[in-house]
Amino acid sequence: DVDMPGVDGLTAAAELRDRLPACR
């Protein structure tokens, strides 16, 4: 979800891209 408390979905997606590239 985009709008979540604390870290939003877009920030989480960017972090996942960097830390776990196999997860889309």
mmCIF file of all heavy atoms, coordinates in Angstrom:
data_MODEL
# 
_entry.id   MODEL 
# 
loop_
_atom_site.group_PDB 
_atom_site.id 
_atom_site.type_symbol 
_atom_site.label_atom_id 
_atom_site.label_alt_id 
_atom_site.label_comp_id 
_atom_site.label_asym_id 
_atom_site.label_entity_id 
_atom_site.label_seq_id 
_atom_site.pdbx_PDB_ins_code 
_atom_site.Cartn_x 
_atom_site.Cartn_y 
_atom_site.Cartn_z 
_atom_site.occupancy 
_atom_site.B_iso_or_equiv 
_atom_site.pdbx_formal_charge 
_atom_site.auth_seq_id 
_atom_site.auth_comp_id 
_atom_site.auth_asym_id 
_atom_site.auth_atom_id 
_atom_site.pdbx_PDB_model_num 
ATOM 1   N N   . ASP A 1 1  ? 0.862  -1.175  0.000   1.00 0.00 ? 1  ASP A N   1 
ATOM 2   C CA  . ASP A 1 1  ? 0.000  0.000   0.000   1.00 0.00 ? 1  ASP A CA  1 
ATOM 3   C C   . ASP A 1 1  ? 0.903  1.230   0.000   1.00 0.00 ? 1  ASP A C   1 
ATOM 4   O O   . ASP A 1 1  ? 1.985  1.211   0.590   1.00 0.00 ? 1  ASP A O   1 
ATOM 5   C CB  . ASP A 1 1  ? -0.890 -0.023  1.244   1.00 0.00 ? 1  ASP A CB  1 
ATOM 6   C CG  . ASP A 1 1  ? -1.836 1.159   1.326   1.00 0.00 ? 1  ASP A CG  1 
ATOM 7   O OD1 . ASP A 1 1  ? -2.145 1.771   0.286   1.00 0.00 ? 1  ASP A OD1 1 
ATOM 8   O OD2 . ASP A 1 1  ? -2.271 1.486   2.447   1.00 0.00 ? 1  ASP A OD2 1 
ATOM 9   N N   . VAL A 1 2  ? 0.481  2.293   -0.656  1.00 0.00 ? 2  VAL A N   1 
ATOM 10  C CA  . VAL A 1 2  ? 1.294  3.514   -0.666  1.00 0.00 ? 2  VAL A CA  1 
ATOM 11  C C   . VAL A 1 2  ? 1.264  4.187   0.697   1.00 0.00 ? 2  VAL A C   1 
ATOM 12  O O   . VAL A 1 2  ? 2.306  4.483   1.280   1.00 0.00 ? 2  VAL A O   1 
ATOM 13  C CB  . VAL A 1 2  ? 0.800  4.503   -1.748  1.00 0.00 ? 2  VAL A CB  1 
ATOM 14  C CG1 . VAL A 1 2  ? 1.433  5.868   -1.556  1.00 0.00 ? 2  VAL A CG1 1 
ATOM 15  C CG2 . VAL A 1 2  ? 1.121  3.999   -3.122  1.00 0.00 ? 2  VAL A CG2 1 
ATOM 16  N N   . ASP A 1 3  ? 0.074  4.434   1.210   1.00 0.00 ? 3  ASP A N   1 
ATOM 17  C CA  . ASP A 1 3  ? -0.080 5.224   2.431   1.00 0.00 ? 3  ASP A CA  1 
ATOM 18  C C   . ASP A 1 3  ? -0.138 4.336   3.662   1.00 0.00 ? 3  ASP A C   1 
ATOM 19  O O   . ASP A 1 3  ? -1.186 3.775   3.985   1.00 0.00 ? 3  ASP A O   1 
ATOM 20  C CB  . ASP A 1 3  ? -1.345 6.089   2.352   1.00 0.00 ? 3  ASP A CB  1 
ATOM 21  C CG  . ASP A 1 3  ? -1.275 7.081   1.204   1.00 0.00 ? 3  ASP A CG  1 
ATOM 22  O OD1 . ASP A 1 3  ? -0.235 7.729   1.059   1.00 0.00 ? 3  ASP A OD1 1 
ATOM 23  O OD2 . ASP A 1 3  ? -2.262 7.202   0.461   1.00 0.00 ? 3  ASP A OD2 1 
ATOM 24  N N   . MET A 1 4  ? 1.002  4.201   4.323   1.00 0.00 ? 4  MET A N   1 
ATOM 25  C CA  . MET A 1 4  ? 1.072  3.441   5.572   1.00 0.00 ? 4  MET A CA  1 
ATOM 26  C C   . MET A 1 4  ? 1.790  4.295   6.603   1.00 0.00 ? 4  MET A C   1 
ATOM 27  O O   . MET A 1 4  ? 2.573  5.174   6.245   1.00 0.00 ? 4  MET A O   1 
ATOM 28  C CB  . MET A 1 4  ? 1.847  2.131   5.350   1.00 0.00 ? 4  MET A CB  1 
ATOM 29  C CG  . MET A 1 4  ? 1.141  1.138   4.461   1.00 0.00 ? 4  MET A CG  1 
ATOM 30  S SD  . MET A 1 4  ? 1.993  -0.454  4.366   1.00 0.00 ? 4  MET A SD  1 
ATOM 31  C CE  . MET A 1 4  ? 3.393  -0.049  3.322   1.00 0.00 ? 4  MET A CE  1 
ATOM 32  N N   . PRO A 1 5  ? 1.533  4.053   7.876   1.00 0.00 ? 5  PRO A N   1 
ATOM 33  C CA  . PRO A 1 5  ? 2.228  4.834   8.901   1.00 0.00 ? 5  PRO A CA  1 
ATOM 34  C C   . PRO A 1 5  ? 3.731  4.547   8.903   1.00 0.00 ? 5  PRO A C   1 
ATOM 35  O O   . PRO A 1 5  ? 4.160  3.450   8.534   1.00 0.00 ? 5  PRO A O   1 
ATOM 36  C CB  . PRO A 1 5  ? 1.579  4.354   10.206  1.00 0.00 ? 5  PRO A CB  1 
ATOM 37  C CG  . PRO A 1 5  ? 0.963  3.033   9.882   1.00 0.00 ? 5  PRO A CG  1 
ATOM 38  C CD  . PRO A 1 5  ? 0.623  3.060   8.426   1.00 0.00 ? 5  PRO A CD  1 
ATOM 39  N N   . GLY A 1 6  ? 4.496  5.540   9.295   1.00 0.00 ? 6  GLY A N   1 
ATOM 40  C CA  . GLY A 1 6  ? 5.952  5.384   9.313   1.00 0.00 ? 6  GLY A CA  1 
ATOM 41  C C   . GLY A 1 6  ? 6.491  5.350   7.901   1.00 0.00 ? 6  GLY A C   1 
ATOM 42  O O   . GLY A 1 6  ? 6.299  6.287   7.125   1.00 0.00 ? 6  GLY A O   1 
ATOM 43  N N   . VAL A 1 7  ? 7.132  4.268   7.530   1.00 0.00 ? 7  VAL A N   1 
ATOM 44  C CA  . VAL A 1 7  ? 7.702  4.124   6.191   1.00 0.00 ? 7  VAL A CA  1 
ATOM 45  C C   . VAL A 1 7  ? 6.576  3.801   5.216   1.00 0.00 ? 7  VAL A C   1 
ATOM 46  O O   . VAL A 1 7  ? 5.869  2.805   5.388   1.00 0.00 ? 7  VAL A O   1 
ATOM 47  C CB  . VAL A 1 7  ? 8.765  2.999   6.180   1.00 0.00 ? 7  VAL A CB  1 
ATOM 48  C CG1 . VAL A 1 7  ? 9.273  2.736   4.780   1.00 0.00 ? 7  VAL A CG1 1 
ATOM 49  C CG2 . VAL A 1 7  ? 9.916  3.359   7.108   1.00 0.00 ? 7  VAL A CG2 1 
ATOM 50  N N   . ASP A 1 8  ? 6.400  4.648   4.196   1.00 0.00 ? 8  ASP A N   1 
ATOM 51  C CA  . ASP A 1 8  ? 5.325  4.398   3.230   1.00 0.00 ? 8  ASP A CA  1 
ATOM 52  C C   . ASP A 1 8  ? 5.729  3.315   2.229   1.00 0.00 ? 8  ASP A C   1 
ATOM 53  O O   . ASP A 1 8  ? 6.879  2.862   2.202   1.00 0.00 ? 8  ASP A O   1 
ATOM 54  C CB  . ASP A 1 8  ? 4.906  5.687   2.520   1.00 0.00 ? 8  ASP A CB  1 
ATOM 55  C CG  . ASP A 1 8  ? 5.979  6.277   1.629   1.00 0.00 ? 8  ASP A CG  1 
ATOM 56  O OD1 . ASP A 1 8  ? 6.804  5.528   1.062   1.00 0.00 ? 8  ASP A OD1 1 
ATOM 57  O OD2 . ASP A 1 8  ? 6.005  7.514   1.472   1.00 0.00 ? 8  ASP A OD2 1 
ATOM 58  N N   . GLY A 1 9  ? 4.778  2.906   1.418   1.00 0.00 ? 9  GLY A N   1 
ATOM 59  C CA  . GLY A 1 9  ? 5.017  1.816   0.478   1.00 0.00 ? 9  GLY A CA  1 
ATOM 60  C C   . GLY A 1 9  ? 6.073  2.125   -0.568  1.00 0.00 ? 9  GLY A C   1 
ATOM 61  O O   . GLY A 1 9  ? 6.832  1.232   -0.972  1.00 0.00 ? 9  GLY A O   1 
ATOM 62  N N   . LEU A 1 10 ? 6.148  3.371   -1.018  1.00 0.00 ? 10 LEU A N   1 
ATOM 63  C CA  . LEU A 1 10 ? 7.131  3.722   -2.044  1.00 0.00 ? 10 LEU A CA  1 
ATOM 64  C C   . LEU A 1 10 ? 8.546  3.713   -1.472  1.00 0.00 ? 10 LEU A C   1 
ATOM 65  O O   . LEU A 1 10 ? 9.489  3.262   -2.132  1.00 0.00 ? 10 LEU A O   1 
ATOM 66  C CB  . LEU A 1 10 ? 6.786  5.086   -2.655  1.00 0.00 ? 10 LEU A CB  1 
ATOM 67  C CG  . LEU A 1 10 ? 5.463  5.113   -3.410  1.00 0.00 ? 10 LEU A CG  1 
ATOM 68  C CD1 . LEU A 1 10 ? 5.111  6.536   -3.827  1.00 0.00 ? 10 LEU A CD1 1 
ATOM 69  C CD2 . LEU A 1 10 ? 5.505  4.197   -4.619  1.00 0.00 ? 10 LEU A CD2 1 
ATOM 70  N N   . THR A 1 11 ? 8.697  4.179   -0.250  1.00 0.00 ? 11 THR A N   1 
ATOM 71  C CA  . THR A 1 11 ? 10.003 4.133   0.400   1.00 0.00 ? 11 THR A CA  1 
ATOM 72  C C   . THR A 1 11 ? 10.412 2.687   0.656   1.00 0.00 ? 11 THR A C   1 
ATOM 73  O O   . THR A 1 11 ? 11.568 2.305   0.445   1.00 0.00 ? 11 THR A O   1 
ATOM 74  C CB  . THR A 1 11 ? 9.968  4.933   1.719   1.00 0.00 ? 11 THR A CB  1 
ATOM 75  O OG1 . THR A 1 11 ? 9.563  6.279   1.420   1.00 0.00 ? 11 THR A OG1 1 
ATOM 76  C CG2 . THR A 1 11 ? 11.325 4.957   2.397   1.00 0.00 ? 11 THR A CG2 1 
ATOM 77  N N   . ALA A 1 12 ? 9.442  1.873   1.089   1.00 0.00 ? 12 ALA A N   1 
ATOM 78  C CA  . ALA A 1 12 ? 9.721  0.450   1.318   1.00 0.00 ? 12 ALA A CA  1 
ATOM 79  C C   . ALA A 1 12 ? 10.119 -0.230  0.012   1.00 0.00 ? 12 ALA A C   1 
ATOM 80  O O   . ALA A 1 12 ? 11.044 -1.053  -0.016  1.00 0.00 ? 12 ALA A O   1 
ATOM 81  C CB  . ALA A 1 12 ? 8.501  -0.243  1.926   1.00 0.00 ? 12 ALA A CB  1 
ATOM 82  N N   . ALA A 1 13 ? 9.454  0.126   -1.094  1.00 0.00 ? 13 ALA A N   1 
ATOM 83  C CA  . ALA A 1 13 ? 9.787  -0.468  -2.396  1.00 0.00 ? 13 ALA A CA  1 
ATOM 84  C C   . ALA A 1 13 ? 11.215 -0.133  -2.798  1.00 0.00 ? 13 ALA A C   1 
ATOM 85  O O   . ALA A 1 13 ? 11.953 -0.990  -3.296  1.00 0.00 ? 13 ALA A O   1 
ATOM 86  C CB  . ALA A 1 13 ? 8.806  0.014   -3.466  1.00 0.00 ? 13 ALA A CB  1 
ATOM 87  N N   . ALA A 1 14 ? 11.621 1.109   -2.576  1.00 0.00 ? 14 ALA A N   1 
ATOM 88  C CA  . ALA A 1 14 ? 12.988 1.512   -2.912  1.00 0.00 ? 14 ALA A CA  1 
ATOM 89  C C   . ALA A 1 14 ? 13.996 0.758   -2.054  1.00 0.00 ? 14 ALA A C   1 
ATOM 90  O O   . ALA A 1 14 ? 15.040 0.321   -2.545  1.00 0.00 ? 14 ALA A O   1 
ATOM 91  C CB  . ALA A 1 14 ? 13.153 3.019   -2.739  1.00 0.00 ? 14 ALA A CB  1 
ATOM 92  N N   . GLU A 1 15 ? 13.670 0.580   -0.781  1.00 0.00 ? 15 GLU A N   1 
ATOM 93  C CA  . GLU A 1 15 ? 14.585 -0.144  0.108   1.00 0.00 ? 15 GLU A CA  1 
ATOM 94  C C   . GLU A 1 15 ? 14.659 -1.622  -0.287  1.00 0.00 ? 15 GLU A C   1 
ATOM 95  O O   . GLU A 1 15 ? 15.732 -2.224  -0.287  1.00 0.00 ? 15 GLU A O   1 
ATOM 96  C CB  . GLU A 1 15 ? 14.139 0.002   1.565   1.00 0.00 ? 15 GLU A CB  1 
ATOM 97  C CG  . GLU A 1 15 ? 15.178 -0.514  2.531   1.00 0.00 ? 15 GLU A CG  1 
ATOM 98  C CD  . GLU A 1 15 ? 14.893 -0.165  3.982   1.00 0.00 ? 15 GLU A CD  1 
ATOM 99  O OE1 . GLU A 1 15 ? 14.069 0.729   4.249   1.00 0.00 ? 15 GLU A OE1 1 
ATOM 100 O OE2 . GLU A 1 15 ? 15.503 -0.808  4.852   1.00 0.00 ? 15 GLU A OE2 1 
ATOM 101 N N   . LEU A 1 16 ? 13.525 -2.203  -0.652  1.00 0.00 ? 16 LEU A N   1 
ATOM 102 C CA  . LEU A 1 16 ? 13.525 -3.600  -1.102  1.00 0.00 ? 16 LEU A CA  1 
ATOM 103 C C   . LEU A 1 16 ? 14.344 -3.758  -2.381  1.00 0.00 ? 16 LEU A C   1 
ATOM 104 O O   . LEU A 1 16 ? 15.069 -4.737  -2.539  1.00 0.00 ? 16 LEU A O   1 
ATOM 105 C CB  . LEU A 1 16 ? 12.099 -4.097  -1.326  1.00 0.00 ? 16 LEU A CB  1 
ATOM 106 C CG  . LEU A 1 16 ? 11.296 -4.396  -0.067  1.00 0.00 ? 16 LEU A CG  1 
ATOM 107 C CD1 . LEU A 1 16 ? 9.849  -4.705  -0.413  1.00 0.00 ? 16 LEU A CD1 1 
ATOM 108 C CD2 . LEU A 1 16 ? 11.929 -5.539  0.707   1.00 0.00 ? 16 LEU A CD2 1 
ATOM 109 N N   . ARG A 1 17 ? 14.235 -2.789  -3.277  1.00 0.00 ? 17 ARG A N   1 
ATOM 110 C CA  . ARG A 1 17 ? 15.015 -2.840  -4.519  1.00 0.00 ? 17 ARG A CA  1 
ATOM 111 C C   . ARG A 1 17 ? 16.505 -2.898  -4.206  1.00 0.00 ? 17 ARG A C   1 
ATOM 112 O O   . ARG A 1 17 ? 17.257 -3.653  -4.827  1.00 0.00 ? 17 ARG A O   1 
ATOM 113 C CB  . ARG A 1 17 ? 14.700 -1.610  -5.381  1.00 0.00 ? 17 ARG A CB  1 
ATOM 114 C CG  . ARG A 1 17 ? 15.497 -1.549  -6.688  1.00 0.00 ? 17 ARG A CG  1 
ATOM 115 C CD  . ARG A 1 17 ? 15.478 -0.159  -7.291  1.00 0.00 ? 17 ARG A CD  1 
ATOM 116 N NE  . ARG A 1 17 ? 16.149 0.762   -6.372  1.00 0.00 ? 17 ARG A NE  1 
ATOM 117 C CZ  . ARG A 1 17 ? 15.811 2.033   -6.226  1.00 0.00 ? 17 ARG A CZ  1 
ATOM 118 N NH1 . ARG A 1 17 ? 14.832 2.559   -6.917  1.00 0.00 ? 17 ARG A NH1 1 
ATOM 119 N NH2 . ARG A 1 17 ? 16.464 2.798   -5.382  1.00 0.00 ? 17 ARG A NH2 1 
ATOM 120 N N   . ASP A 1 18 ? 16.926 -2.132  -3.211  1.00 0.00 ? 18 ASP A N   1 
ATOM 121 C CA  . ASP A 1 18 ? 18.345 -2.085  -2.853  1.00 0.00 ? 18 ASP A CA  1 
ATOM 122 C C   . ASP A 1 18 ? 18.797 -3.296  -2.031  1.00 0.00 ? 18 ASP A C   1 
ATOM 123 O O   . ASP A 1 18 ? 19.892 -3.809  -2.242  1.00 0.00 ? 18 ASP A O   1 
ATOM 124 C CB  . ASP A 1 18 ? 18.645 -0.805  -2.061  1.00 0.00 ? 18 ASP A CB  1 
ATOM 125 C CG  . ASP A 1 18 ? 18.458 0.456   -2.895  1.00 0.00 ? 18 ASP A CG  1 
ATOM 126 O OD1 . ASP A 1 18 ? 18.472 0.361   -4.144  1.00 0.00 ? 18 ASP A OD1 1 
ATOM 127 O OD2 . ASP A 1 18 ? 18.288 1.534   -2.298  1.00 0.00 ? 18 ASP A OD2 1 
ATOM 128 N N   . ARG A 1 19 ? 17.950 -3.737  -1.113  1.00 0.00 ? 19 ARG A N   1 
ATOM 129 C CA  . ARG A 1 19 ? 18.368 -4.791  -0.174  1.00 0.00 ? 19 ARG A CA  1 
ATOM 130 C C   . ARG A 1 19 ? 17.973 -6.203  -0.597  1.00 0.00 ? 19 ARG A C   1 
ATOM 131 O O   . ARG A 1 19 ? 18.575 -7.167  -0.136  1.00 0.00 ? 19 ARG A O   1 
ATOM 132 C CB  . ARG A 1 19 ? 17.792 -4.490  1.212   1.00 0.00 ? 19 ARG A CB  1 
ATOM 133 C CG  . ARG A 1 19 ? 18.342 -3.174  1.767   1.00 0.00 ? 19 ARG A CG  1 
ATOM 134 C CD  . ARG A 1 19 ? 17.819 -2.874  3.131   1.00 0.00 ? 19 ARG A CD  1 
ATOM 135 N NE  . ARG A 1 19 ? 18.299 -3.828  4.113   1.00 0.00 ? 19 ARG A NE  1 
ATOM 136 C CZ  . ARG A 1 19 ? 17.892 -3.847  5.371   1.00 0.00 ? 19 ARG A CZ  1 
ATOM 137 N NH1 . ARG A 1 19 ? 17.003 -2.967  5.792   1.00 0.00 ? 19 ARG A NH1 1 
ATOM 138 N NH2 . ARG A 1 19 ? 18.360 -4.743  6.213   1.00 0.00 ? 19 ARG A NH2 1 
ATOM 139 N N   . LEU A 1 20 ? 16.936 -6.315  -1.444  1.00 0.00 ? 20 LEU A N   1 
ATOM 140 C CA  . LEU A 1 20 ? 16.457 -7.630  -1.873  1.00 0.00 ? 20 LEU A CA  1 
ATOM 141 C C   . LEU A 1 20 ? 15.990 -7.525  -3.327  1.00 0.00 ? 20 LEU A C   1 
ATOM 142 O O   . LEU A 1 20 ? 14.796 -7.566  -3.612  1.00 0.00 ? 20 LEU A O   1 
ATOM 143 C CB  . LEU A 1 20 ? 15.316 -8.088  -0.953  1.00 0.00 ? 20 LEU A CB  1 
ATOM 144 C CG  . LEU A 1 20 ? 14.837 -9.518  -1.060  1.00 0.00 ? 20 LEU A CG  1 
ATOM 145 C CD1 . LEU A 1 20 ? 15.944 -10.499 -0.683  1.00 0.00 ? 20 LEU A CD1 1 
ATOM 146 C CD2 . LEU A 1 20 ? 13.619 -9.728  -0.168  1.00 0.00 ? 20 LEU A CD2 1 
ATOM 147 N N   . PRO A 1 21 ? 16.928 -7.373  -4.259  1.00 0.00 ? 21 PRO A N   1 
ATOM 148 C CA  . PRO A 1 21 ? 16.564 -7.120  -5.658  1.00 0.00 ? 21 PRO A CA  1 
ATOM 149 C C   . PRO A 1 21 ? 15.694 -8.200  -6.298  1.00 0.00 ? 21 PRO A C   1 
ATOM 150 O O   . PRO A 1 21 ? 14.955 -7.916  -7.239  1.00 0.00 ? 21 PRO A O   1 
ATOM 151 C CB  . PRO A 1 21 ? 17.920 -7.040  -6.371  1.00 0.00 ? 21 PRO A CB  1 
ATOM 152 C CG  . PRO A 1 21 ? 18.940 -6.852  -5.310  1.00 0.00 ? 21 PRO A CG  1 
ATOM 153 C CD  . PRO A 1 21 ? 18.367 -7.407  -4.047  1.00 0.00 ? 21 PRO A CD  1 
ATOM 154 N N   . ALA A 1 22 ? 15.730 -9.416  -5.796  1.00 0.00 ? 22 ALA A N   1 
ATOM 155 C CA  . ALA A 1 22 ? 14.915 -10.493 -6.370  1.00 0.00 ? 22 ALA A CA  1 
ATOM 156 C C   . ALA A 1 22 ? 13.435 -10.329 -6.044  1.00 0.00 ? 22 ALA A C   1 
ATOM 157 O O   . ALA A 1 22 ? 12.581 -10.937 -6.690  1.00 0.00 ? 22 ALA A O   1 
ATOM 158 C CB  . ALA A 1 22 ? 15.406 -11.851 -5.867  1.00 0.00 ? 22 ALA A CB  1 
ATOM 159 N N   . CYS A 1 23 ? 13.113 -9.504  -5.061  1.00 0.00 ? 23 CYS A N   1 
ATOM 160 C CA  . CYS A 1 23 ? 11.725 -9.247  -4.688  1.00 0.00 ? 23 CYS A CA  1 
ATOM 161 C C   . CYS A 1 23 ? 11.222 -8.051  -5.486  1.00 0.00 ? 23 CYS A C   1 
ATOM 162 O O   . CYS A 1 23 ? 11.747 -6.957  -5.371  1.00 0.00 ? 23 CYS A O   1 
ATOM 163 C CB  . CYS A 1 23 ? 11.620 -8.971  -3.192  1.00 0.00 ? 23 CYS A CB  1 
ATOM 164 S SG  . CYS A 1 23 ? 9.947  -8.592  -2.647  1.00 0.00 ? 23 CYS A SG  1 
ATOM 165 N N   . ARG A 1 24 ? 10.203 -8.277  -6.296  1.00 0.00 ? 24 ARG A N   1 
ATOM 166 C CA  . ARG A 1 24 ? 9.648  -7.194  -7.116  1.00 0.00 ? 24 ARG A CA  1 
ATOM 167 C C   . ARG A 1 24 ? 8.432  -6.603  -6.409  1.00 0.00 ? 24 ARG A C   1 
ATOM 168 O O   . ARG A 1 24 ? 7.659  -7.331  -5.787  1.00 0.00 ? 24 ARG A O   1 
ATOM 169 C CB  . ARG A 1 24 ? 9.285  -7.739  -8.487  1.00 0.00 ? 24 ARG A CB  1 
ATOM 170 C CG  . ARG A 1 24 ? 10.512 -8.422  -9.126  1.00 0.00 ? 24 ARG A CG  1 
ATOM 171 C CD  . ARG A 1 24 ? 10.272 -8.855  -10.555 1.00 0.00 ? 24 ARG A CD  1 
ATOM 172 N NE  . ARG A 1 24 ? 10.405 -7.672  -11.398 1.00 0.00 ? 24 ARG A NE  1 
ATOM 173 C CZ  . ARG A 1 24 ? 9.566  -7.386  -12.387 1.00 0.00 ? 24 ARG A CZ  1 
ATOM 174 N NH1 . ARG A 1 24 ? 8.572  -8.173  -12.672 1.00 0.00 ? 24 ARG A NH1 1 
ATOM 175 N NH2 . ARG A 1 24 ? 9.745  -6.289  -13.109 1.00 0.00 ? 24 ARG A NH2 1 
# 
